[in-house]
Amino acid sequence: MIEFFERVYYNPNWYHRLISYTLLPLSFIYGGVNFLKTKIQRAENYGVKIISIGNILVGGSGKTPFAIEVINHFYRKYNANITYISRGYGRGSKGLVWVKRDSIILTDVVRSGDEAMLVSKSCNCNVIVSEDRKKAILEAKRDGANLIILDDAFSKVGIEKFDIILEPEEYKNSLTLPSGPLREFRYAKKRAHLVLKEGIDFKRVVTIKNRTDYMLLVTAIANPSRLDINLPKNLLGKYILKDHSYFNKDKIIEKMEAFAAKSILVTQKDLVKLDNFNLPISLMELRLDINKSIFSKLEEYYETED
């Protein structure tokens, strides 16, 4: 369902707009229910520092690369015992799963999901996936975590945490699901401790490694059009799957042969799902350049006693 609405918001045409307007009454109900939830639920203190990195917009906004930068910063500066907790969208497992513990990756990408596996391979931290964030927080705390990074948990108002919202450079639609791209009314972001704007507070820095003259883009990320600005001009074509999809090696080879491609161009999130494919890969390596003042505010939160 979310994938359908991403197509509506990011690639609209007349019938997508018609659907959006037709669903407008449901948007007010959806947004109203979420608003009431924030007023009724009380935030519980779990006795551990928790930083939540989220957004109010469906689709990709850079949450995972932002989390990686934050985790690596706190590990370098404080040698912190950090646990990253995600719902694990698109994973082929249920319940609470330890993805990485004590520097050992304990499962595969199918059971962990692509984002959790990317964090596991990029950071010195433990990683848990769980639909029940509160259960995962208690598990991480029992394991000795003194800092928890929560993925996409802005709406989890029952957890006392430091909320960060990431926003793209611009977005015009201010309606909630299912008529618009917002998970909550736009003013809900006032609850956040930090609202960070791409292009101002953080910037994407992309480097293409193992570049060839005959590349085919192969990706399964939300809103893949955001890659366009960094794509090489000589790109042969694109093979795009819905967010969190898993790849079929034979299908990729078929597409490579159709385009006469010498390598596939992928993101880091895609790469973790291609481990045993033995295909020639060119990598769009992404890091975020985050303003130093942001880290100062996070350090202040971390160092403050409850």
C-alpha atoms as a PDB file:
ATOM      1  CA  MET A   1       0.000   0.000   0.000  1.00  0.00           C
ATOM      2  CA  ILE A   2       2.764   2.440   0.944  1.00  0.00           C
ATOM      3  CA  GLU A   3       4.539   1.711  -2.351  1.00  0.00           C
ATOM      4  CA  PHE A   4       1.389   2.673  -4.252  1.00  0.00           C
ATOM      5  CA  PHE A   5       1.077   6.002  -2.473  1.00  0.00           C
ATOM      6  CA  GLU A   6       4.744   6.767  -3.072  1.00  0.00           C
ATOM      7  CA  ARG A   7       4.016   6.482  -6.800  1.00  0.00           C
ATOM      8  CA  VAL A   8       1.048   8.815  -6.360  1.00  0.00           C
ATOM      9  CA  TYR A   9       3.097  11.486  -4.541  1.00  0.00           C
ATOM     10  CA  TYR A  10       6.351  11.347  -6.457  1.00  0.00           C
ATOM     11  CA  ASN A  11       5.104  10.529  -9.965  1.00  0.00           C
ATOM     12  CA  PRO A  12       1.581  11.982 -10.077  1.00  0.00           C
ATOM     13  CA  ASN A  13      -0.673  11.964 -13.116  1.00  0.00           C
ATOM     14  CA  TRP A  14      -4.328  12.847 -13.515  1.00  0.00           C
ATOM     15  CA  TYR A  15      -5.826   9.589 -12.225  1.00  0.00           C
ATOM     16  CA  HIS A  16      -3.440   9.443  -9.267  1.00  0.00           C
ATOM     17  CA  ARG A  17      -4.557  12.977  -8.361  1.00  0.00           C
ATOM     18  CA  LEU A  18      -8.200  11.948  -8.715  1.00  0.00           C
ATOM     19  CA  ILE A  19      -7.647   9.050  -6.310  1.00  0.00           C
ATOM     20  CA  SER A  20      -5.889  11.397  -3.905  1.00  0.00           C
ATOM     21  CA  TYR A  21      -8.787  13.888  -3.854  1.00  0.00           C
ATOM     22  CA  THR A  22     -11.343  11.090  -3.478  1.00  0.00           C
ATOM     23  CA  LEU A  23      -9.570   9.804  -0.387  1.00  0.00           C
ATOM     24  CA  LEU A  24      -9.348  13.246   1.238  1.00  0.00           C
ATOM     25  CA  PRO A  25     -11.994  12.540   3.955  1.00  0.00           C
ATOM     26  CA  LEU A  26     -10.017   9.479   5.060  1.00  0.00           C
ATOM     27  CA  SER A  27      -6.927  11.673   5.432  1.00  0.00           C
ATOM     28  CA  PHE A  28      -8.643  13.828   8.045  1.00  0.00           C
ATOM     29  CA  ILE A  29      -9.726  10.713   9.937  1.00  0.00           C
ATOM     30  CA  TYR A  30      -6.245   9.192   9.743  1.00  0.00           C
ATOM     31  CA  GLY A  31      -4.545  12.407  10.819  1.00  0.00           C
ATOM     32  CA  GLY A  32      -7.111  12.997  13.570  1.00  0.00           C
ATOM     33  CA  VAL A  33      -6.602   9.542  15.060  1.00  0.00           C
ATOM     34  CA  ASN A  34      -2.838  10.048  15.153  1.00  0.00           C
ATOM     35  CA  PHE A  35      -3.302  13.469  16.733  1.00  0.00           C
ATOM     36  CA  LEU A  36      -5.493  12.029  19.501  1.00  0.00           C
ATOM     37  CA  LYS A  37      -2.966   9.269  20.099  1.00  0.00           C
ATOM     38  CA  THR A  38      -0.253  11.831  20.811  1.00  0.00           C
ATOM     39  CA  LYS A  39      -2.502  13.558  23.350  1.00  0.00           C
ATOM     40  CA  ILE A  40      -3.627  10.415  25.160  1.00  0.00           C
ATOM     41  CA  GLN A  41      -0.405   8.389  25.403  1.00  0.00           C
ATOM     42  CA  ARG A  42       2.168   9.231  28.042  1.00  0.00           C
ATOM     43  CA  ALA A  43       5.862   8.850  27.335  1.00  0.00           C
ATOM     44  CA  GLU A  44       7.610   6.202  29.448  1.00  0.00           C
ATOM     45  CA  ASN A  45      11.201   6.680  30.590  1.00  0.00           C
ATOM     46  CA  TYR A  46      13.227   3.486  30.053  1.00  0.00           C
ATOM     47  CA  GLY A  47      16.301   4.667  31.953  1.00  0.00           C
ATOM     48  CA  VAL A  48      18.537   4.736  28.872  1.00  0.00           C
ATOM     49  CA  LYS A  49      19.370   7.456  26.359  1.00  0.00           C
ATOM     50  CA  ILE A  50      17.300   7.042  23.188  1.00  0.00           C
ATOM     51  CA  ILE A  51      17.697   8.998  19.948  1.00  0.00           C
ATOM     52  CA  SER A  52      14.923   8.520  17.416  1.00  0.00           C
ATOM     53  CA  ILE A  53      15.599   9.295  13.752  1.00  0.00           C
ATOM     54  CA  GLY A  54      12.415   9.601  11.720  1.00  0.00           C
ATOM     55  CA  ASN A  55      10.240  11.690   9.477  1.00  0.00           C
ATOM     56  CA  ILE A  56       6.576  12.477   8.882  1.00  0.00           C
ATOM     57  CA  LEU A  57       6.846  11.822   5.162  1.00  0.00           C
ATOM     58  CA  VAL A  58       6.498   8.433   3.467  1.00  0.00           C
ATOM     59  CA  GLY A  59       9.465   7.376   1.379  1.00  0.00           C
ATOM     60  CA  GLY A  60      13.188   7.720   1.848  1.00  0.00           C
ATOM     61  CA  SER A  61      14.637  10.746   3.621  1.00  0.00           C
ATOM     62  CA  GLY A  62      18.115   9.527   4.546  1.00  0.00           C
ATOM     63  CA  LYS A  63      17.280   8.010   7.944  1.00  0.00           C
ATOM     64  CA  THR A  64      19.637   5.034   7.625  1.00  0.00           C
ATOM     65  CA  PRO A  65      22.756   6.952   6.486  1.00  0.00           C
ATOM     66  CA  PHE A  66      21.994   9.561   9.160  1.00  0.00           C
ATOM     67  CA  ALA A  67      21.795   6.831  11.813  1.00  0.00           C
ATOM     68  CA  ILE A  68      25.118   5.411  10.617  1.00  0.00           C
ATOM     69  CA  GLU A  69      26.818   8.813  10.991  1.00  0.00           C
ATOM     70  CA  VAL A  70      25.366   9.285  14.486  1.00  0.00           C
ATOM     71  CA  ILE A  71      26.321   5.784  15.654  1.00  0.00           C
ATOM     72  CA  ASN A  72      29.875   6.090  14.366  1.00  0.00           C
ATOM     73  CA  HIS A  73      30.270   9.530  15.948  1.00  0.00           C
ATOM     74  CA  PHE A  74      29.177   8.338  19.399  1.00  0.00           C
ATOM     75  CA  TYR A  75      31.288   5.193  19.185  1.00  0.00           C
ATOM     76  CA  ARG A  76      34.400   7.194  18.243  1.00  0.00           C
ATOM     77  CA  LYS A  77      33.923   9.904  20.867  1.00  0.00           C
ATOM     78  CA  TYR A  78      32.500   7.965  23.831  1.00  0.00           C
ATOM     79  CA  ASN A  79      33.150   4.297  22.997  1.00  0.00           C
ATOM     80  CA  ALA A  80      29.428   4.043  23.735  1.00  0.00           C
ATOM     81  CA  ASN A  81      27.614   0.714  23.983  1.00  0.00           C
ATOM     82  CA  ILE A  82      25.088   1.385  21.235  1.00  0.00           C
ATOM     83  CA  THR A  83      22.135  -0.649  20.015  1.00  0.00           C
ATOM     84  CA  TYR A  84      20.319   0.210  16.806  1.00  0.00           C
ATOM     85  CA  ILE A  85      16.652  -0.836  16.803  1.00  0.00           C
ATOM     86  CA  SER A  86      14.506  -1.043  13.691  1.00  0.00           C
ATOM     87  CA  ARG A  87      11.168  -2.565  12.813  1.00  0.00           C
ATOM     88  CA  GLY A  88      12.965  -4.306   9.943  1.00  0.00           C
ATOM     89  CA  TYR A  89      10.734  -3.371   7.029  1.00  0.00           C
ATOM     90  CA  GLY A  90      10.615  -6.000   4.291  1.00  0.00           C
ATOM     91  CA  ARG A  91      12.262  -8.738   6.387  1.00  0.00           C
ATOM     92  CA  GLY A  92      11.219 -12.352   6.122  1.00  0.00           C
ATOM     93  CA  SER A  93      10.995 -12.894   9.883  1.00  0.00           C
ATOM     94  CA  LYS A  94       8.727 -11.994  12.774  1.00  0.00           C
ATOM     95  CA  GLY A  95       9.262 -11.006  16.370  1.00  0.00           C
ATOM     96  CA  LEU A  96      12.484  -9.843  17.995  1.00  0.00           C
ATOM     97  CA  VAL A  97      15.650 -10.858  16.150  1.00  0.00           C
ATOM     98  CA  TRP A  98      19.231 -10.058  17.127  1.00  0.00           C
ATOM     99  CA  VAL A  99      20.948  -9.146  13.862  1.00  0.00           C
ATOM    100  CA  LYS A 100      24.315  -8.254  15.376  1.00  0.00           C
ATOM    101  CA  ARG A 101      25.589  -8.788  18.895  1.00  0.00           C
ATOM    102  CA  ASP A 102      29.079  -8.370  20.339  1.00  0.00           C
ATOM    103  CA  SER A 103      30.531  -7.632  16.884  1.00  0.00           C
ATOM    104  CA  ILE A 104      29.083 -10.823  15.354  1.00  0.00           C
ATOM    105  CA  ILE A 105      26.401 -10.781  12.650  1.00  0.00           C
ATOM    106  CA  LEU A 106      23.984 -13.528  13.659  1.00  0.00           C
ATOM    107  CA  THR A 107      21.563 -13.749  10.752  1.00  0.00           C
ATOM    108  CA  ASP A 108      21.168 -13.095   7.038  1.00  0.00           C
ATOM    109  CA  VAL A 109      19.670 -10.145   5.194  1.00  0.00           C
ATOM    110  CA  VAL A 110      16.376 -11.946   4.539  1.00  0.00           C
ATOM    111  CA  ARG A 111      15.672 -12.270   8.280  1.00  0.00           C
ATOM    112  CA  SER A 112      17.123  -8.860   9.186  1.00  0.00           C
ATOM    113  CA  GLY A 113      15.930  -6.628   6.353  1.00  0.00           C
ATOM    114  CA  ASP A 114      18.245  -4.521   4.202  1.00  0.00           C
ATOM    115  CA  GLU A 115      18.536  -1.438   6.416  1.00  0.00           C
ATOM    116  CA  ALA A 116      19.394  -3.354   9.591  1.00  0.00           C
ATOM    117  CA  MET A 117      22.027  -5.356   7.723  1.00  0.00           C
ATOM    118  CA  LEU A 118      23.546  -2.184   6.261  1.00  0.00           C
ATOM    119  CA  VAL A 119      23.880  -0.699   9.772  1.00  0.00           C
ATOM    120  CA  SER A 120      25.343  -3.993  11.034  1.00  0.00           C
ATOM    121  CA  LYS A 121      28.065  -3.905   8.399  1.00  0.00           C
ATOM    122  CA  SER A 122      28.749  -0.164   8.708  1.00  0.00           C
ATOM    123  CA  CYS A 123      28.896   0.410  12.473  1.00  0.00           C
ATOM    124  CA  ASN A 124      30.358  -0.768  15.779  1.00  0.00           C
ATOM    125  CA  CYS A 125      27.016  -1.400  17.440  1.00  0.00           C
ATOM    126  CA  ASN A 126      24.492  -4.102  18.246  1.00  0.00           C
ATOM    127  CA  VAL A 127      21.413  -4.354  16.032  1.00  0.00           C
ATOM    128  CA  ILE A 128      17.904  -5.605  16.858  1.00  0.00           C
ATOM    129  CA  VAL A 129      14.851  -5.792  14.614  1.00  0.00           C
ATOM    130  CA  SER A 130      11.447  -5.969  16.254  1.00  0.00           C
ATOM    131  CA  GLU A 131       7.900  -4.815  15.546  1.00  0.00           C
ATOM    132  CA  ASP A 132       7.632  -4.078  19.278  1.00  0.00           C
ATOM    133  CA  ARG A 133      10.087  -1.231  19.857  1.00  0.00           C
ATOM    134  CA  LYS A 134       9.465  -1.197  23.626  1.00  0.00           C
ATOM    135  CA  LYS A 135      10.326  -4.886  23.941  1.00  0.00           C
ATOM    136  CA  ALA A 136      13.503  -4.293  21.932  1.00  0.00           C
ATOM    137  CA  ILE A 137      14.506  -1.343  24.150  1.00  0.00           C
ATOM    138  CA  LEU A 138      14.197  -3.499  27.292  1.00  0.00           C
ATOM    139  CA  GLU A 139      16.212  -6.267  25.620  1.00  0.00           C
ATOM    140  CA  ALA A 140      18.962  -3.829  24.625  1.00  0.00           C
ATOM    141  CA  LYS A 141      19.047  -2.300  28.110  1.00  0.00           C
ATOM    142  CA  ARG A 142      19.390  -5.740  29.732  1.00  0.00           C
ATOM    143  CA  ASP A 143      22.285  -6.355  27.365  1.00  0.00           C
ATOM    144  CA  GLY A 144      24.096  -3.248  28.638  1.00  0.00           C
ATOM    145  CA  ALA A 145      23.261  -0.579  26.040  1.00  0.00           C
ATOM    146  CA  ASN A 146      23.764   2.991  27.229  1.00  0.00           C
ATOM    147  CA  LEU A 147      22.592   4.566  23.964  1.00  0.00           C
ATOM    148  CA  ILE A 148      19.799   3.367  21.693  1.00  0.00           C
ATOM    149  CA  ILE A 149      19.210   4.622  18.172  1.00  0.00           C
ATOM    150  CA  LEU A 150      15.593   4.082  17.142  1.00  0.00           C
ATOM    151  CA  ASP A 151      14.766   3.937  13.445  1.00  0.00           C
ATOM    152  CA  ASP A 152      11.593   5.610  12.210  1.00  0.00           C
ATOM    153  CA  ALA A 153       9.973   5.929  15.640  1.00  0.00           C
ATOM    154  CA  PHE A 154       8.716   9.525  15.717  1.00  0.00           C
ATOM    155  CA  SER A 155       5.123   8.270  15.975  1.00  0.00           C
ATOM    156  CA  LYS A 156       5.980   6.086  19.007  1.00  0.00           C
ATOM    157  CA  VAL A 157       4.888   8.730  21.501  1.00  0.00           C
ATOM    158  CA  GLY A 158       4.805   6.229  24.391  1.00  0.00           C
ATOM    159  CA  ILE A 159       8.620   6.235  24.519  1.00  0.00           C
ATOM    160  CA  GLU A 160      10.606   9.072  26.113  1.00  0.00           C
ATOM    161  CA  LYS A 161      13.301   9.902  23.577  1.00  0.00           C
ATOM    162  CA  PHE A 162      15.170  12.622  21.701  1.00  0.00           C
ATOM    163  CA  ASP A 163      13.296  13.009  18.411  1.00  0.00           C
ATOM    164  CA  ILE A 164      14.983  13.999  15.161  1.00  0.00           C
ATOM    165  CA  ILE A 165      12.957  14.577  11.997  1.00  0.00           C
ATOM    166  CA  LEU A 166      14.650  14.631   8.606  1.00  0.00           C
ATOM    167  CA  GLU A 167      13.022  16.609   5.806  1.00  0.00           C
ATOM    168  CA  PRO A 168      13.814  16.642   2.071  1.00  0.00           C
ATOM    169  CA  GLU A 169      14.792  19.919   0.441  1.00  0.00           C
ATOM    170  CA  GLU A 170      11.192  20.602  -0.523  1.00  0.00           C
ATOM    171  CA  TYR A 171       7.808  18.950  -0.526  1.00  0.00           C
ATOM    172  CA  LYS A 172       4.564  20.686  -1.413  1.00  0.00           C
ATOM    173  CA  ASN A 173       1.786  18.277  -0.441  1.00  0.00           C
ATOM    174  CA  SER A 174       0.693  18.790   3.178  1.00  0.00           C
ATOM    175  CA  LEU A 175      -2.044  16.137   3.377  1.00  0.00           C
ATOM    176  CA  THR A 176      -1.877  12.992   5.470  1.00  0.00           C
ATOM    177  CA  LEU A 177      -2.283   9.420   4.255  1.00  0.00           C
ATOM    178  CA  PRO A 178      -4.027   8.139   2.226  1.00  0.00           C
ATOM    179  CA  SER A 179      -4.589  11.364   0.277  1.00  0.00           C
ATOM    180  CA  GLY A 180      -1.141  12.846   0.817  1.00  0.00           C
ATOM    181  CA  PRO A 181       2.395  11.787   1.759  1.00  0.00           C
ATOM    182  CA  LEU A 182       2.329  12.714   5.471  1.00  0.00           C
ATOM    183  CA  ARG A 183       2.016  10.219   8.309  1.00  0.00           C
ATOM    184  CA  GLU A 184       0.817  12.962  10.649  1.00  0.00           C
ATOM    185  CA  PHE A 185      -0.423  16.527  10.294  1.00  0.00           C
ATOM    186  CA  ARG A 186       2.448  18.779   9.298  1.00  0.00           C
ATOM    187  CA  TYR A 187       2.488  20.695  12.578  1.00  0.00           C
ATOM    188  CA  ALA A 188       3.217  17.409  14.426  1.00  0.00           C
ATOM    189  CA  LYS A 189       6.899  18.027  13.781  1.00  0.00           C
ATOM    190  CA  LYS A 190       6.768  20.634  16.565  1.00  0.00           C
ATOM    191  CA  ARG A 191       7.060  17.670  18.941  1.00  0.00           C
ATOM    192  CA  ALA A 192      10.538  16.949  17.607  1.00  0.00           C
ATOM    193  CA  HIS A 193      13.656  18.200  19.364  1.00  0.00           C
ATOM    194  CA  LEU A 194      15.390  18.747  16.016  1.00  0.00           C
ATOM    195  CA  VAL A 195      13.887  19.228  12.549  1.00  0.00           C
ATOM    196  CA  LEU A 196      16.717  18.945  10.048  1.00  0.00           C
ATOM    197  CA  LYS A 197      16.469  20.076   6.451  1.00  0.00           C
ATOM    198  CA  GLU A 198      18.421  18.392   3.679  1.00  0.00           C
ATOM    199  CA  GLY A 199      20.669  20.891   1.914  1.00  0.00           C
ATOM    200  CA  ILE A 200      20.891  23.061   5.037  1.00  0.00           C
ATOM    201  CA  ASP A 201      21.523  20.860   8.078  1.00  0.00           C
ATOM    202  CA  PHE A 202      22.894  17.874   6.184  1.00  0.00           C
ATOM    203  CA  LYS A 203      24.016  17.143   2.649  1.00  0.00           C
ATOM    204  CA  ARG A 204      24.460  13.948   0.662  1.00  0.00           C
ATOM    205  CA  VAL A 205      27.954  13.204  -0.608  1.00  0.00           C
ATOM    206  CA  VAL A 206      27.984  10.463  -3.249  1.00  0.00           C
ATOM    207  CA  THR A 207      31.047   8.705  -4.671  1.00  0.00           C
ATOM    208  CA  ILE A 208      30.797   6.088  -7.419  1.00  0.00           C
ATOM    209  CA  LYS A 209      33.261   3.263  -6.879  1.00  0.00           C
ATOM    210  CA  ASN A 210      34.316   0.711  -9.527  1.00  0.00           C
ATOM    211  CA  ARG A 211      32.786   2.910 -12.214  1.00  0.00           C
ATOM    212  CA  THR A 212      32.546   1.462 -15.739  1.00  0.00           C
ATOM    213  CA  ASP A 213      31.450   2.970 -19.052  1.00  0.00           C
ATOM    214  CA  TYR A 214      28.504   0.575 -19.342  1.00  0.00           C
ATOM    215  CA  MET A 215      26.472   0.624 -16.117  1.00  0.00           C
ATOM    216  CA  LEU A 216      22.865  -0.386 -15.444  1.00  0.00           C
ATOM    217  CA  LEU A 217      21.182   1.060 -12.348  1.00  0.00           C
ATOM    218  CA  VAL A 218      19.649  -1.713 -10.233  1.00  0.00           C
ATOM    219  CA  THR A 219      17.896  -0.533  -7.082  1.00  0.00           C
ATOM    220  CA  ALA A 220      15.085  -1.228  -4.623  1.00  0.00           C
ATOM    221  CA  ILE A 221      14.808   1.938  -2.542  1.00  0.00           C
ATOM    222  CA  ALA A 222      11.986   4.355  -1.802  1.00  0.00           C
ATOM    223  CA  ASN A 223      11.664   7.306  -4.177  1.00  0.00           C
ATOM    224  CA  PRO A 224      14.537   6.245  -6.490  1.00  0.00           C
ATOM    225  CA  SER A 225      14.258   9.519  -8.433  1.00  0.00           C
ATOM    226  CA  ARG A 226      16.346  11.103  -5.651  1.00  0.00           C
ATOM    227  CA  LEU A 227      19.325   9.240  -7.118  1.00  0.00           C
ATOM    228  CA  ASP A 228      19.016  11.038 -10.459  1.00  0.00           C
ATOM    229  CA  ILE A 229      21.142  14.039  -9.517  1.00  0.00           C
ATOM    230  CA  ASN A 230      24.148  11.766  -8.905  1.00  0.00           C
ATOM    231  CA  LEU A 231      23.712   9.348 -11.808  1.00  0.00           C
ATOM    232  CA  PRO A 232      26.412   9.403 -14.518  1.00  0.00           C
ATOM    233  CA  LYS A 233      25.337  10.722 -17.914  1.00  0.00           C
ATOM    234  CA  ASN A 234      26.455   7.545 -19.680  1.00  0.00           C
ATOM    235  CA  LEU A 235      24.144   5.294 -17.620  1.00  0.00           C
ATOM    236  CA  LEU A 236      22.626   2.691 -19.956  1.00  0.00           C
ATOM    237  CA  GLY A 237      19.291   2.303 -18.201  1.00  0.00           C
ATOM    238  CA  LYS A 238      17.431   1.501 -14.976  1.00  0.00           C
ATOM    239  CA  TYR A 239      15.979  -1.635 -13.402  1.00  0.00           C
ATOM    240  CA  ILE A 240      13.919  -0.448 -10.424  1.00  0.00           C
ATOM    241  CA  LEU A 241      12.030  -2.599  -7.911  1.00  0.00           C
ATOM    242  CA  LYS A 242       9.794  -1.481  -5.063  1.00  0.00           C
ATOM    243  CA  ASP A 243      11.399  -0.530  -1.744  1.00  0.00           C
ATOM    244  CA  HIS A 244      12.926  -3.423   0.268  1.00  0.00           C
ATOM    245  CA  SER A 245      12.502  -5.927  -2.612  1.00  0.00           C
ATOM    246  CA  TYR A 246      14.952  -8.802  -2.935  1.00  0.00           C
ATOM    247  CA  PHE A 247      16.786  -9.385  -6.188  1.00  0.00           C
ATOM    248  CA  ASN A 248      16.735 -12.301  -8.600  1.00  0.00           C
ATOM    249  CA  LYS A 249      20.186 -12.961 -10.071  1.00  0.00           C
ATOM    250  CA  ASP A 250      18.855 -14.422 -13.337  1.00  0.00           C
ATOM    251  CA  LYS A 251      16.589 -11.421 -13.850  1.00  0.00           C
ATOM    252  CA  ILE A 252      19.477  -9.005 -13.305  1.00  0.00           C
ATOM    253  CA  ILE A 253      21.642 -10.913 -15.796  1.00  0.00           C
ATOM    254  CA  GLU A 254      18.776 -10.803 -18.300  1.00  0.00           C
ATOM    255  CA  LYS A 255      18.527  -7.020 -17.878  1.00  0.00           C
ATOM    256  CA  MET A 256      22.307  -6.608 -18.162  1.00  0.00           C
ATOM    257  CA  GLU A 257      22.331  -8.531 -21.422  1.00  0.00           C
ATOM    258  CA  ALA A 258      19.403  -6.496 -22.784  1.00  0.00           C
ATOM    259  CA  PHE A 259      21.304  -3.241 -22.114  1.00  0.00           C
ATOM    260  CA  ALA A 260      24.772  -4.680 -22.904  1.00  0.00           C
ATOM    261  CA  ALA A 261      25.843  -3.576 -19.414  1.00  0.00           C
ATOM    262  CA  LYS A 262      29.269  -4.406 -18.011  1.00  0.00           C
ATOM    263  CA  SER A 263      28.319  -3.699 -14.390  1.00  0.00           C
ATOM    264  CA  ILE A 264      25.312  -2.895 -12.231  1.00  0.00           C
ATOM    265  CA  LEU A 265      25.215   0.389 -10.333  1.00  0.00           C
ATOM    266  CA  VAL A 266      23.696  -0.049  -6.861  1.00  0.00           C
ATOM    267  CA  THR A 267      23.318   1.772  -3.546  1.00  0.00           C
ATOM    268  CA  GLN A 268      24.795   0.501  -0.274  1.00  0.00           C
ATOM    269  CA  LYS A 269      21.310  -0.562   0.801  1.00  0.00           C
ATOM    270  CA  ASP A 270      21.017  -2.695  -2.349  1.00  0.00           C
ATOM    271  CA  LEU A 271      24.535  -4.090  -2.004  1.00  0.00           C
ATOM    272  CA  VAL A 272      23.790  -6.046   1.193  1.00  0.00           C
ATOM    273  CA  LYS A 273      21.267  -8.137  -0.796  1.00  0.00           C
ATOM    274  CA  LEU A 274      23.775  -9.040  -3.528  1.00  0.00           C
ATOM    275  CA  ASP A 275      26.456 -10.751  -1.432  1.00  0.00           C
ATOM    276  CA  ASN A 276      26.565 -14.104  -3.239  1.00  0.00           C
ATOM    277  CA  PHE A 277      25.573 -12.995  -6.747  1.00  0.00           C
ATOM    278  CA  ASN A 278      29.145 -12.677  -8.069  1.00  0.00           C
ATOM    279  CA  LEU A 279      28.153  -9.921 -10.469  1.00  0.00           C
ATOM    280  CA  PRO A 280      30.303  -6.929 -11.514  1.00  0.00           C
ATOM    281  CA  ILE A 281      29.166  -4.118  -9.228  1.00  0.00           C
ATOM    282  CA  SER A 282      29.632  -0.352  -9.298  1.00  0.00           C
ATOM    283  CA  LEU A 283      28.688   1.247  -5.987  1.00  0.00           C
ATOM    284  CA  MET A 284      27.013   4.585  -5.248  1.00  0.00           C
ATOM    285  CA  GLU A 285      28.623   5.139  -1.848  1.00  0.00           C
ATOM    286  CA  LEU A 286      26.650   7.649   0.185  1.00  0.00           C
ATOM    287  CA  ARG A 287      27.650   9.507   3.296  1.00  0.00           C
ATOM    288  CA  LEU A 288      25.977  12.478   4.934  1.00  0.00           C
ATOM    289  CA  ASP A 289      27.842  15.671   5.729  1.00  0.00           C
ATOM    290  CA  ILE A 290      26.081  16.763   8.929  1.00  0.00           C
ATOM    291  CA  ASN A 291      26.561  20.176  10.530  1.00  0.00           C
ATOM    292  CA  LYS A 292      28.781  19.898  13.605  1.00  0.00           C
ATOM    293  CA  SER A 293      26.269  21.878  15.672  1.00  0.00           C
ATOM    294  CA  ILE A 294      23.851  18.924  15.341  1.00  0.00           C
ATOM    295  CA  PHE A 295      26.334  16.571  16.986  1.00  0.00           C
ATOM    296  CA  SER A 296      26.873  19.108  19.768  1.00  0.00           C
ATOM    297  CA  LYS A 297      23.150  19.042  20.594  1.00  0.00           C
ATOM    298  CA  LEU A 298      23.096  15.247  20.581  1.00  0.00           C
ATOM    299  CA  GLU A 299      26.154  15.127  22.849  1.00  0.00           C
ATOM    300  CA  GLU A 300      24.456  17.531  25.260  1.00  0.00           C
ATOM    301  CA  TYR A 301      21.448  15.194  25.435  1.00  0.00           C
ATOM    302  CA  TYR A 302      23.663  12.126  25.924  1.00  0.00           C
ATOM    303  CA  GLU A 303      25.721  13.726  28.697  1.00  0.00           C
ATOM    304  CA  THR A 304      22.728  15.124  30.611  1.00  0.00           C
ATOM    305  CA  GLU A 305      21.750  13.055  33.651  1.00  0.00           C
ATOM    306  CA  ASP A 306      18.122  11.974  33.885  1.00  0.00           C
END
